[in-house]
Amino acid sequence: MMAAAGAQSRADQQAEIEFGELTVKNVRQLQVLNEDVFPVKYGDKFYKDLVSSPEDTRLAYHCDVLVGAVSWRVEPRPADSAAKPVGTSSAAVQSGSRRRLYIMTLGVLGAYRGLGIGARLLECVLSYCKSAAAAGLDDVYLHVQTNNDDALAFYKRFGFEVVSTIEAYYKNIEPTNCFVLQKKLALE
């Protein structure tokens, strides 16, 4: 009885997390994590692009084990005619035009979910959005598979809204449709 009285519920726990940056030496760890977390397989080019822009990825370690990660890129608004070259870091996108941040991946190993790790990774992204390097960002957006209720609830807690549905977005997984979630950023 005594042990139960002092125990925290899983939802109230905060895991001790250290954040790290992506390097050539740990990119394989990220690839293994992503293969475990996501139904989509990302190719070698995806990881080469990430390594070329390491400031756009945060890794979450618990007891020196990679348990979560987030990767993003800054893009011109769709109305902008110039597309961002592949492999260009967020810092390299011109700051003169309106831009948006795209969360490419945000995932936490199943055994570590519910410990606040995903929230802290998302906070890394939102903090970046407030930084001088991110001046001119209008919004943050991402894609979520239409059957991923946990992810939808998670992002809605942070003020993201479903703004559209894309049919047949995913290949080789079911369902193939995704929601586009967006969070508007305060203009400064």
Protein backbone atom coordinates (compact mmCIF):
# COMPACT_ATOMS: atom_id res chain seq x y z
CA MET A 1 0.00 0.00 0.00
CA MET A 2 2.74 2.47 0.90
CA ALA A 3 4.54 2.20 -2.45
CA ALA A 4 1.37 2.90 -4.40
CA ALA A 5 0.65 6.06 -2.43
CA GLY A 6 3.99 7.62 -3.42
CA ALA A 7 3.95 6.49 -7.05
CA GLN A 8 3.32 8.96 -9.84
CA SER A 9 0.99 8.16 -12.69
CA ARG A 10 2.73 7.72 -16.04
CA ALA A 11 1.13 10.90 -17.35
CA ASP A 12 2.62 12.91 -14.47
CA GLN A 13 6.16 11.59 -14.96
CA GLN A 14 8.82 13.59 -16.76
CA ALA A 15 11.68 11.57 -18.17
CA GLU A 16 15.19 12.91 -17.73
CA ILE A 17 16.13 13.90 -21.24
CA GLU A 18 19.28 15.27 -22.78
CA PHE A 19 19.10 16.85 -26.22
CA GLY A 20 21.72 16.36 -28.88
CA GLU A 21 22.40 17.37 -32.44
CA LEU A 22 22.56 15.13 -35.45
CA THR A 23 26.00 14.12 -36.67
CA VAL A 24 27.43 11.71 -39.21
CA LYS A 25 28.25 9.44 -36.26
CA ASN A 26 24.69 9.18 -34.90
CA VAL A 27 22.56 9.45 -38.04
CA ARG A 28 22.21 5.65 -38.18
CA GLN A 29 20.64 5.75 -34.68
CA LEU A 30 18.07 8.22 -36.00
CA GLN A 31 17.38 5.98 -38.98
CA VAL A 32 16.75 2.99 -36.67
CA LEU A 33 14.48 5.09 -34.44
CA ASN A 34 12.47 6.34 -37.43
CA GLU A 35 12.11 2.81 -38.81
CA ASP A 36 10.63 1.75 -35.47
CA VAL A 37 8.35 4.76 -35.00
CA PHE A 38 6.98 5.56 -38.46
CA PRO A 39 5.16 3.40 -41.01
CA VAL A 40 7.00 5.32 -43.76
CA LYS A 41 10.54 4.34 -44.74
CA TYR A 42 12.83 7.28 -45.37
CA GLY A 43 15.60 6.80 -47.93
CA ASP A 44 19.30 7.53 -47.68
CA LYS A 45 18.87 10.92 -49.34
CA PHE A 46 16.55 12.03 -46.51
CA TYR A 47 19.27 11.30 -43.95
CA LYS A 48 22.03 12.89 -46.07
CA ASP A 49 19.94 16.05 -46.26
CA LEU A 50 19.43 16.00 -42.49
CA VAL A 51 23.16 15.63 -41.84
CA SER A 52 23.85 18.58 -44.15
CA SER A 53 21.52 20.73 -41.96
CA PRO A 54 22.12 19.40 -38.42
CA GLU A 55 20.67 22.52 -36.80
CA ASP A 56 17.24 21.39 -38.04
CA THR A 57 17.15 18.18 -35.97
CA ARG A 58 17.02 17.56 -32.23
CA LEU A 59 17.66 14.16 -30.72
CA ALA A 60 16.25 13.16 -27.31
CA TYR A 61 18.35 10.83 -25.18
CA HIS A 62 17.30 9.06 -21.99
CA CYS A 63 20.21 7.39 -20.17
CA ASP A 64 22.33 7.74 -23.34
CA VAL A 65 19.71 5.91 -25.44
CA LEU A 66 18.08 7.70 -28.36
CA VAL A 67 14.35 7.61 -27.57
CA GLY A 68 12.94 10.43 -29.72
CA ALA A 69 13.74 12.98 -32.39
CA VAL A 70 12.32 15.84 -34.40
CA SER A 71 13.45 17.12 -37.80
CA TRP A 72 12.20 20.19 -39.64
CA ARG A 73 12.91 22.52 -42.51
CA VAL A 74 11.99 26.09 -43.31
CA GLU A 75 10.23 26.61 -46.62
CA PRO A 76 8.98 29.59 -48.60
CA ARG A 77 5.21 30.12 -48.46
CA PRO A 78 3.42 28.31 -51.33
CA ALA A 79 2.72 31.66 -52.98
CA ASP A 80 6.49 32.23 -53.26
CA SER A 81 7.74 31.19 -56.68
CA ALA A 82 11.24 30.14 -55.56
CA ALA A 83 11.41 26.63 -54.15
CA LYS A 84 13.91 25.80 -51.45
CA PRO A 85 16.73 23.70 -52.88
CA VAL A 86 16.88 20.21 -51.41
CA GLY A 87 19.43 19.96 -48.64
CA THR A 88 19.37 23.68 -47.86
CA SER A 89 19.39 24.40 -44.15
CA SER A 90 16.67 26.45 -42.50
CA ALA A 91 19.18 29.25 -41.92
CA ALA A 92 19.94 29.40 -45.65
CA VAL A 93 16.37 30.18 -46.76
CA GLN A 94 16.12 33.88 -47.54
CA SER A 95 14.57 35.84 -44.69
CA GLY A 96 13.06 38.52 -46.95
CA SER A 97 9.98 36.52 -47.92
CA ARG A 98 7.26 34.95 -45.79
CA ARG A 99 8.19 31.46 -44.73
CA ARG A 100 6.83 28.48 -42.87
CA LEU A 101 8.33 25.62 -40.90
CA TYR A 102 7.55 22.05 -41.91
CA ILE A 103 7.94 19.33 -39.27
CA MET A 104 9.17 16.39 -41.33
CA THR A 105 9.29 13.91 -38.45
CA LEU A 106 8.60 13.96 -34.72
CA GLY A 107 8.60 10.60 -33.00
CA VAL A 108 9.22 8.88 -29.69
CA LEU A 109 9.75 5.17 -29.10
CA GLY A 110 6.55 3.53 -27.84
CA ALA A 111 7.97 2.58 -24.43
CA TYR A 112 8.81 6.25 -23.76
CA ARG A 113 5.53 7.85 -24.81
CA GLY A 114 3.49 9.62 -22.18
CA LEU A 115 6.60 10.92 -20.40
CA GLY A 116 6.62 14.40 -21.94
CA ILE A 117 9.40 13.67 -24.45
CA GLY A 118 7.31 14.46 -27.53
CA ALA A 119 6.13 17.69 -25.89
CA ARG A 120 9.71 18.72 -25.18
CA LEU A 121 10.74 17.94 -28.76
CA LEU A 122 7.85 20.04 -30.07
CA GLU A 123 8.88 22.80 -27.66
CA CYS A 124 12.34 22.75 -29.33
CA VAL A 125 10.64 23.44 -32.66
CA LEU A 126 8.40 26.18 -31.25
CA SER A 127 11.39 27.79 -29.50
CA TYR A 128 13.27 27.78 -32.79
CA CYS A 129 10.28 29.54 -34.36
CA LYS A 130 10.70 32.38 -31.84
CA SER A 131 14.44 32.75 -32.50
CA ALA A 132 16.09 35.40 -34.65
CA ALA A 133 17.10 32.69 -37.13
CA ALA A 134 13.42 32.02 -37.75
CA ALA A 135 12.30 35.63 -38.30
CA GLY A 136 9.45 35.85 -40.78
CA LEU A 137 7.85 32.48 -40.10
CA ASP A 138 4.07 32.56 -40.53
CA ASP A 139 3.19 29.07 -39.37
CA VAL A 140 4.28 25.54 -38.55
CA TYR A 141 2.72 22.61 -40.38
CA LEU A 142 2.99 18.84 -40.72
CA HIS A 143 1.23 15.78 -42.11
CA VAL A 144 -0.51 13.19 -39.94
CA GLN A 145 -2.01 9.94 -41.19
CA THR A 146 -5.81 10.18 -40.89
CA ASN A 147 -6.06 7.19 -38.52
CA ASN A 148 -3.41 8.48 -36.07
CA ASP A 149 -5.75 9.71 -33.33
CA ASP A 150 -2.96 9.92 -30.74
CA ALA A 151 -0.89 12.27 -32.92
CA LEU A 152 -3.94 14.40 -33.74
CA ALA A 153 -4.76 14.81 -30.03
CA PHE A 154 -1.12 15.56 -29.22
CA TYR A 155 -0.78 18.37 -31.78
CA LYS A 156 -4.20 19.84 -30.97
CA ARG A 157 -3.04 20.27 -27.35
CA PHE A 158 -0.37 22.62 -28.74
CA GLY A 159 -2.79 24.69 -30.82
CA PHE A 160 -2.45 22.91 -34.17
CA GLU A 161 -5.59 22.68 -36.30
CA VAL A 162 -6.54 20.42 -39.19
CA VAL A 163 -6.58 22.70 -42.24
CA SER A 164 -6.97 20.15 -45.04
CA THR A 165 -6.94 16.51 -46.04
CA ILE A 166 -4.73 15.13 -48.80
CA GLU A 167 -5.96 11.97 -50.47
CA ALA A 168 -3.43 9.33 -51.52
CA TYR A 169 -0.55 11.20 -49.85
CA TYR A 170 1.16 8.05 -48.59
CA LYS A 171 2.34 5.18 -50.75
CA ASN A 172 2.44 1.56 -49.57
CA ILE A 173 0.65 2.18 -46.25
CA GLU A 174 -3.01 2.28 -45.27
CA PRO A 175 -4.79 4.56 -44.98
CA THR A 176 -3.10 6.58 -47.69
CA ASN A 177 -4.75 9.87 -46.70
CA CYS A 178 -3.29 12.46 -44.37
CA PHE A 179 -4.40 15.56 -42.54
CA VAL A 180 -2.41 18.76 -42.82
CA LEU A 181 -2.10 20.30 -39.36
CA GLN A 182 -1.08 23.90 -38.91
CA LYS A 183 -0.28 26.28 -36.09
CA LYS A 184 -0.25 30.00 -36.89
CA LEU A 185 2.59 31.92 -35.32
CA ALA A 186 2.20 35.38 -33.85
CA LEU A 187 3.61 37.98 -36.22
CA GLU A 188 6.15 40.23 -34.60
